[in-house]
Amino acid sequence: MAGSDWGHQSWFQFESWRCHWRCTGATDRPALVLLHGFGASSGHWR
């Protein structure tokens, strides 16, 4: 990813959890789904 292109992002509610998702990269390539635990987010790594 070049520069500040962080793709599309939004939030959704799952039971009592507020969850964040982000979609970025080439749409003509296979998808890669990464799941992680609590306490960090992609915003921490910018």
PDB file of N, CA and C in Angstrom:
ATOM      1  N   MET A   1       0.839  -1.181   0.000  1.00  0.00           N
ATOM      2  CA  MET A   1       0.000   0.000   0.000  1.00  0.00           C
ATOM      3  C   MET A   1       0.877   1.235   0.000  1.00  0.00           C
ATOM      4  N   ALA A   2       0.563   2.123  -0.854  1.00  0.00           N
ATOM      5  CA  ALA A   2       1.343   3.355  -0.947  1.00  0.00           C
ATOM      6  C   ALA A   2       0.707   4.464  -0.125  1.00  0.00           C
ATOM      7  N   GLY A   3       1.539   5.244   0.509  1.00  0.00           N
ATOM      8  CA  GLY A   3       1.068   6.437   1.210  1.00  0.00           C
ATOM      9  C   GLY A   3       0.023   6.156   2.266  1.00  0.00           C
ATOM     10  N   SER A   4      -1.045   6.936   2.219  1.00  0.00           N
ATOM     11  CA  SER A   4      -2.078   6.822   3.249  1.00  0.00           C
ATOM     12  C   SER A   4      -3.343   6.139   2.735  1.00  0.00           C
ATOM     13  N   ASP A   5      -3.236   5.279   1.731  1.00  0.00           N
ATOM     14  CA  ASP A   5      -4.390   4.561   1.204  1.00  0.00           C
ATOM     15  C   ASP A   5      -4.724   3.393   2.131  1.00  0.00           C
ATOM     16  N   TRP A   6      -5.659   3.614   3.050  1.00  0.00           N
ATOM     17  CA  TRP A   6      -6.038   2.582   4.013  1.00  0.00           C
ATOM     18  C   TRP A   6      -7.351   1.914   3.625  1.00  0.00           C
ATOM     19  N   GLY A   7      -7.838   2.104   2.404  1.00  0.00           N
ATOM     20  CA  GLY A   7      -9.005   1.392   1.907  1.00  0.00           C
ATOM     21  C   GLY A   7     -10.315   1.813   2.541  1.00  0.00           C
ATOM     22  N   HIS A   8     -11.311   0.943   2.378  1.00  0.00           N
ATOM     23  CA  HIS A   8     -12.648   1.171   2.936  1.00  0.00           C
ATOM     24  C   HIS A   8     -12.707   0.560   4.327  1.00  0.00           C
ATOM     25  N   GLN A   9     -13.422   1.219   5.219  1.00  0.00           N
ATOM     26  CA  GLN A   9     -13.545   0.693   6.572  1.00  0.00           C
ATOM     27  C   GLN A   9     -14.895   1.062   7.159  1.00  0.00           C
ATOM     28  N   SER A  10     -15.312   0.298   8.134  1.00  0.00           N
ATOM     29  CA  SER A  10     -16.568   0.579   8.819  1.00  0.00           C
ATOM     30  C   SER A  10     -16.608  -0.225  10.118  1.00  0.00           C
ATOM     31  N   TRP A  11     -17.725  -0.143  10.812  1.00  0.00           N
ATOM     32  CA  TRP A  11     -17.944  -0.849  12.073  1.00  0.00           C
ATOM     33  C   TRP A  11     -19.220  -1.658  11.977  1.00  0.00           C
ATOM     34  N   PHE A  12     -19.302  -2.744  12.737  1.00  0.00           N
ATOM     35  CA  PHE A  12     -20.551  -3.482  12.879  1.00  0.00           C
ATOM     36  C   PHE A  12     -20.661  -3.992  14.310  1.00  0.00           C
ATOM     37  N   GLN A  13     -21.863  -4.299  14.714  1.00  0.00           N
ATOM     38  CA  GLN A  13     -22.123  -4.781  16.067  1.00  0.00           C
ATOM     39  C   GLN A  13     -22.310  -6.288  16.024  1.00  0.00           C
ATOM     40  N   PHE A  14     -21.561  -7.023  16.821  1.00  0.00           N
ATOM     41  CA  PHE A  14     -21.737  -8.464  16.980  1.00  0.00           C
ATOM     42  C   PHE A  14     -21.987  -8.741  18.452  1.00  0.00           C
ATOM     43  N   GLU A  15     -23.200  -9.148  18.764  1.00  0.00           N
ATOM     44  CA  GLU A  15     -23.630  -9.318  20.151  1.00  0.00           C
ATOM     45  C   GLU A  15     -23.307  -8.038  20.920  1.00  0.00           C
ATOM     46  N   SER A  16     -22.457  -8.092  21.924  1.00  0.00           N
ATOM     47  CA  SER A  16     -22.143  -6.872  22.683  1.00  0.00           C
ATOM     48  C   SER A  16     -20.835  -6.221  22.237  1.00  0.00           C
ATOM     49  N   TRP A  17     -20.240  -6.720  21.150  1.00  0.00           N
ATOM     50  CA  TRP A  17     -18.940  -6.220  20.691  1.00  0.00           C
ATOM     51  C   TRP A  17     -19.093  -5.284  19.498  1.00  0.00           C
ATOM     52  N   ARG A  18     -18.403  -4.169  19.515  1.00  0.00           N
ATOM     53  CA  ARG A  18     -18.314  -3.264  18.367  1.00  0.00           C
ATOM     54  C   ARG A  18     -17.062  -3.665  17.593  1.00  0.00           C
ATOM     55  N   CYS A  19     -17.231  -4.103  16.364  1.00  0.00           N
ATOM     56  CA  CYS A  19     -16.132  -4.664  15.567  1.00  0.00           C
ATOM     57  C   CYS A  19     -15.819  -3.767  14.377  1.00  0.00           C
ATOM     58  N   HIS A  20     -14.562  -3.690  14.031  1.00  0.00           N
ATOM     59  CA  HIS A  20     -14.084  -2.857  12.932  1.00  0.00           C
ATOM     60  C   HIS A  20     -13.597  -3.751  11.802  1.00  0.00           C
ATOM     61  N   TRP A  21     -13.878  -3.353  10.563  1.00  0.00           N
ATOM     62  CA  TRP A  21     -13.346  -4.071   9.416  1.00  0.00           C
ATOM     63  C   TRP A  21     -12.713  -3.089   8.446  1.00  0.00           C
ATOM     64  N   ARG A  22     -11.795  -3.578   7.656  1.00  0.00           N
ATOM     65  CA  ARG A  22     -11.104  -2.759   6.663  1.00  0.00           C
ATOM     66  C   ARG A  22     -10.899  -3.610   5.410  1.00  0.00           C
ATOM     67  N   CYS A  23     -11.111  -3.026   4.248  1.00  0.00           N
ATOM     68  CA  CYS A  23     -10.931  -3.704   2.970  1.00  0.00           C
ATOM     69  C   CYS A  23      -9.984  -2.863   2.124  1.00  0.00           C
ATOM     70  N   THR A  24      -8.893  -3.450   1.702  1.00  0.00           N
ATOM     71  CA  THR A  24      -7.919  -2.719   0.899  1.00  0.00           C
ATOM     72  C   THR A  24      -7.202  -3.682  -0.042  1.00  0.00           C
ATOM     73  N   GLY A  25      -6.571  -3.169  -1.044  1.00  0.00           N
ATOM     74  CA  GLY A  25      -5.824  -4.003  -1.979  1.00  0.00           C
ATOM     75  C   GLY A  25      -6.571  -4.227  -3.275  1.00  0.00           C
ATOM     76  N   ALA A  26      -5.970  -5.037  -4.118  1.00  0.00           N
ATOM     77  CA  ALA A  26      -6.510  -5.309  -5.452  1.00  0.00           C
ATOM     78  C   ALA A  26      -7.751  -6.193  -5.365  1.00  0.00           C
ATOM     79  N   THR A  27      -8.812  -5.802  -6.059  1.00  0.00           N
ATOM     80  CA  THR A  27     -10.055  -6.579  -6.030  1.00  0.00           C
ATOM     81  C   THR A  27     -10.010  -7.782  -6.968  1.00  0.00           C
ATOM     82  N   ASP A  28      -9.021  -7.841  -7.856  1.00  0.00           N
ATOM     83  CA  ASP A  28      -8.906  -8.962  -8.784  1.00  0.00           C
ATOM     84  C   ASP A  28      -7.976 -10.057  -8.257  1.00  0.00           C
ATOM     85  N   ARG A  29      -7.594  -9.978  -6.996  1.00  0.00           N
ATOM     86  CA  ARG A  29      -6.705 -10.967  -6.370  1.00  0.00           C
ATOM     87  C   ARG A  29      -7.486 -11.737  -5.309  1.00  0.00           C
ATOM     88  N   PRO A  30      -7.013 -12.912  -4.923  1.00  0.00           N
ATOM     89  CA  PRO A  30      -7.692 -13.668  -3.851  1.00  0.00           C
ATOM     90  C   PRO A  30      -7.718 -12.877  -2.543  1.00  0.00           C
ATOM     91  N   ALA A  31      -8.764 -13.088  -1.778  1.00  0.00           N
ATOM     92  CA  ALA A  31      -8.915 -12.386  -0.490  1.00  0.00           C
ATOM     93  C   ALA A  31      -8.051 -13.045   0.582  1.00  0.00           C
ATOM     94  N   LEU A  32      -7.593 -12.245   1.512  1.00  0.00           N
ATOM     95  CA  LEU A  32      -6.869 -12.708   2.691  1.00  0.00           C
ATOM     96  C   LEU A  32      -7.566 -12.099   3.895  1.00  0.00           C
ATOM     97  N   VAL A  33      -8.046 -12.930   4.794  1.00  0.00           N
ATOM     98  CA  VAL A  33      -8.758 -12.458   5.981  1.00  0.00           C
ATOM     99  C   VAL A  33      -7.848 -12.638   7.188  1.00  0.00           C
ATOM    100  N   LEU A  34      -7.610 -11.551   7.912  1.00  0.00           N
ATOM    101  CA  LEU A  34      -6.784 -11.590   9.112  1.00  0.00           C
ATOM    102  C   LEU A  34      -7.659 -11.258  10.312  1.00  0.00           C
ATOM    103  N   LEU A  35      -7.630 -12.089  11.305  1.00  0.00           N
ATOM    104  CA  LEU A  35      -8.377 -11.863  12.541  1.00  0.00           C
ATOM    105  C   LEU A  35      -7.380 -11.711  13.671  1.00  0.00           C
ATOM    106  N   HIS A  36      -7.654 -10.799  14.581  1.00  0.00           N
ATOM    107  CA  HIS A  36      -6.752 -10.646  15.722  1.00  0.00           C
ATOM    108  C   HIS A  36      -7.567 -10.403  16.973  1.00  0.00           C
ATOM    109  N   GLY A  37      -6.911 -10.517  18.090  1.00  0.00           N
ATOM    110  CA  GLY A  37      -7.582 -10.336  19.375  1.00  0.00           C
ATOM    111  C   GLY A  37      -7.758  -8.881  19.726  1.00  0.00           C
ATOM    112  N   PHE A  38      -8.124  -8.658  20.943  1.00  0.00           N
ATOM    113  CA  PHE A  38      -8.417  -7.313  21.418  1.00  0.00           C
ATOM    114  C   PHE A  38      -7.154  -6.631  21.933  1.00  0.00           C
ATOM    115  N   GLY A  39      -7.184  -5.307  21.963  1.00  0.00           N
ATOM    116  CA  GLY A  39      -6.077  -4.550  22.532  1.00  0.00           C
ATOM    117  C   GLY A  39      -5.201  -3.866  21.509  1.00  0.00           C
ATOM    118  N   ALA A  40      -5.455  -4.102  20.230  1.00  0.00           N
ATOM    119  CA  ALA A  40      -4.680  -3.438  19.182  1.00  0.00           C
ATOM    120  C   ALA A  40      -5.570  -3.290  17.956  1.00  0.00           C
ATOM    121  N   SER A  41      -5.227  -2.352  17.102  1.00  0.00           N
ATOM    122  CA  SER A  41      -5.966  -2.169  15.860  1.00  0.00           C
ATOM    123  C   SER A  41      -5.014  -1.681  14.784  1.00  0.00           C
ATOM    124  N   SER A  42      -5.479  -1.679  13.547  1.00  0.00           N
ATOM    125  CA  SER A  42      -4.632  -1.201  12.451  1.00  0.00           C
ATOM    126  C   SER A  42      -4.255   0.258  12.639  1.00  0.00           C
ATOM    127  N   GLY A  43      -5.078   1.025  13.346  1.00  0.00           N
ATOM    128  CA  GLY A  43      -4.766   2.426  13.615  1.00  0.00           C
ATOM    129  C   GLY A  43      -3.528   2.608  14.470  1.00  0.00           C
ATOM    130  N   HIS A  44      -3.193   1.621  15.286  1.00  0.00           N
ATOM    131  CA  HIS A  44      -1.987   1.707  16.111  1.00  0.00           C
ATOM    132  C   HIS A  44      -0.714   1.609  15.284  1.00  0.00           C
ATOM    133  N   TRP A  45      -0.784   1.023  14.094  1.00  0.00           N
ATOM    134  CA  TRP A  45       0.404   0.747  13.284  1.00  0.00           C
ATOM    135  C   TRP A  45       0.627   1.777  12.188  1.00  0.00           C
ATOM    136  N   ARG A  46      -0.167   2.826  12.143  1.00  0.00           N
ATOM    137  CA  ARG A  46       0.012   3.850  11.107  1.00  0.00           C
ATOM    138  C   ARG A  46       1.169   4.742  11.433  1.00  0.00           C
TER     139      ARG A  46
END
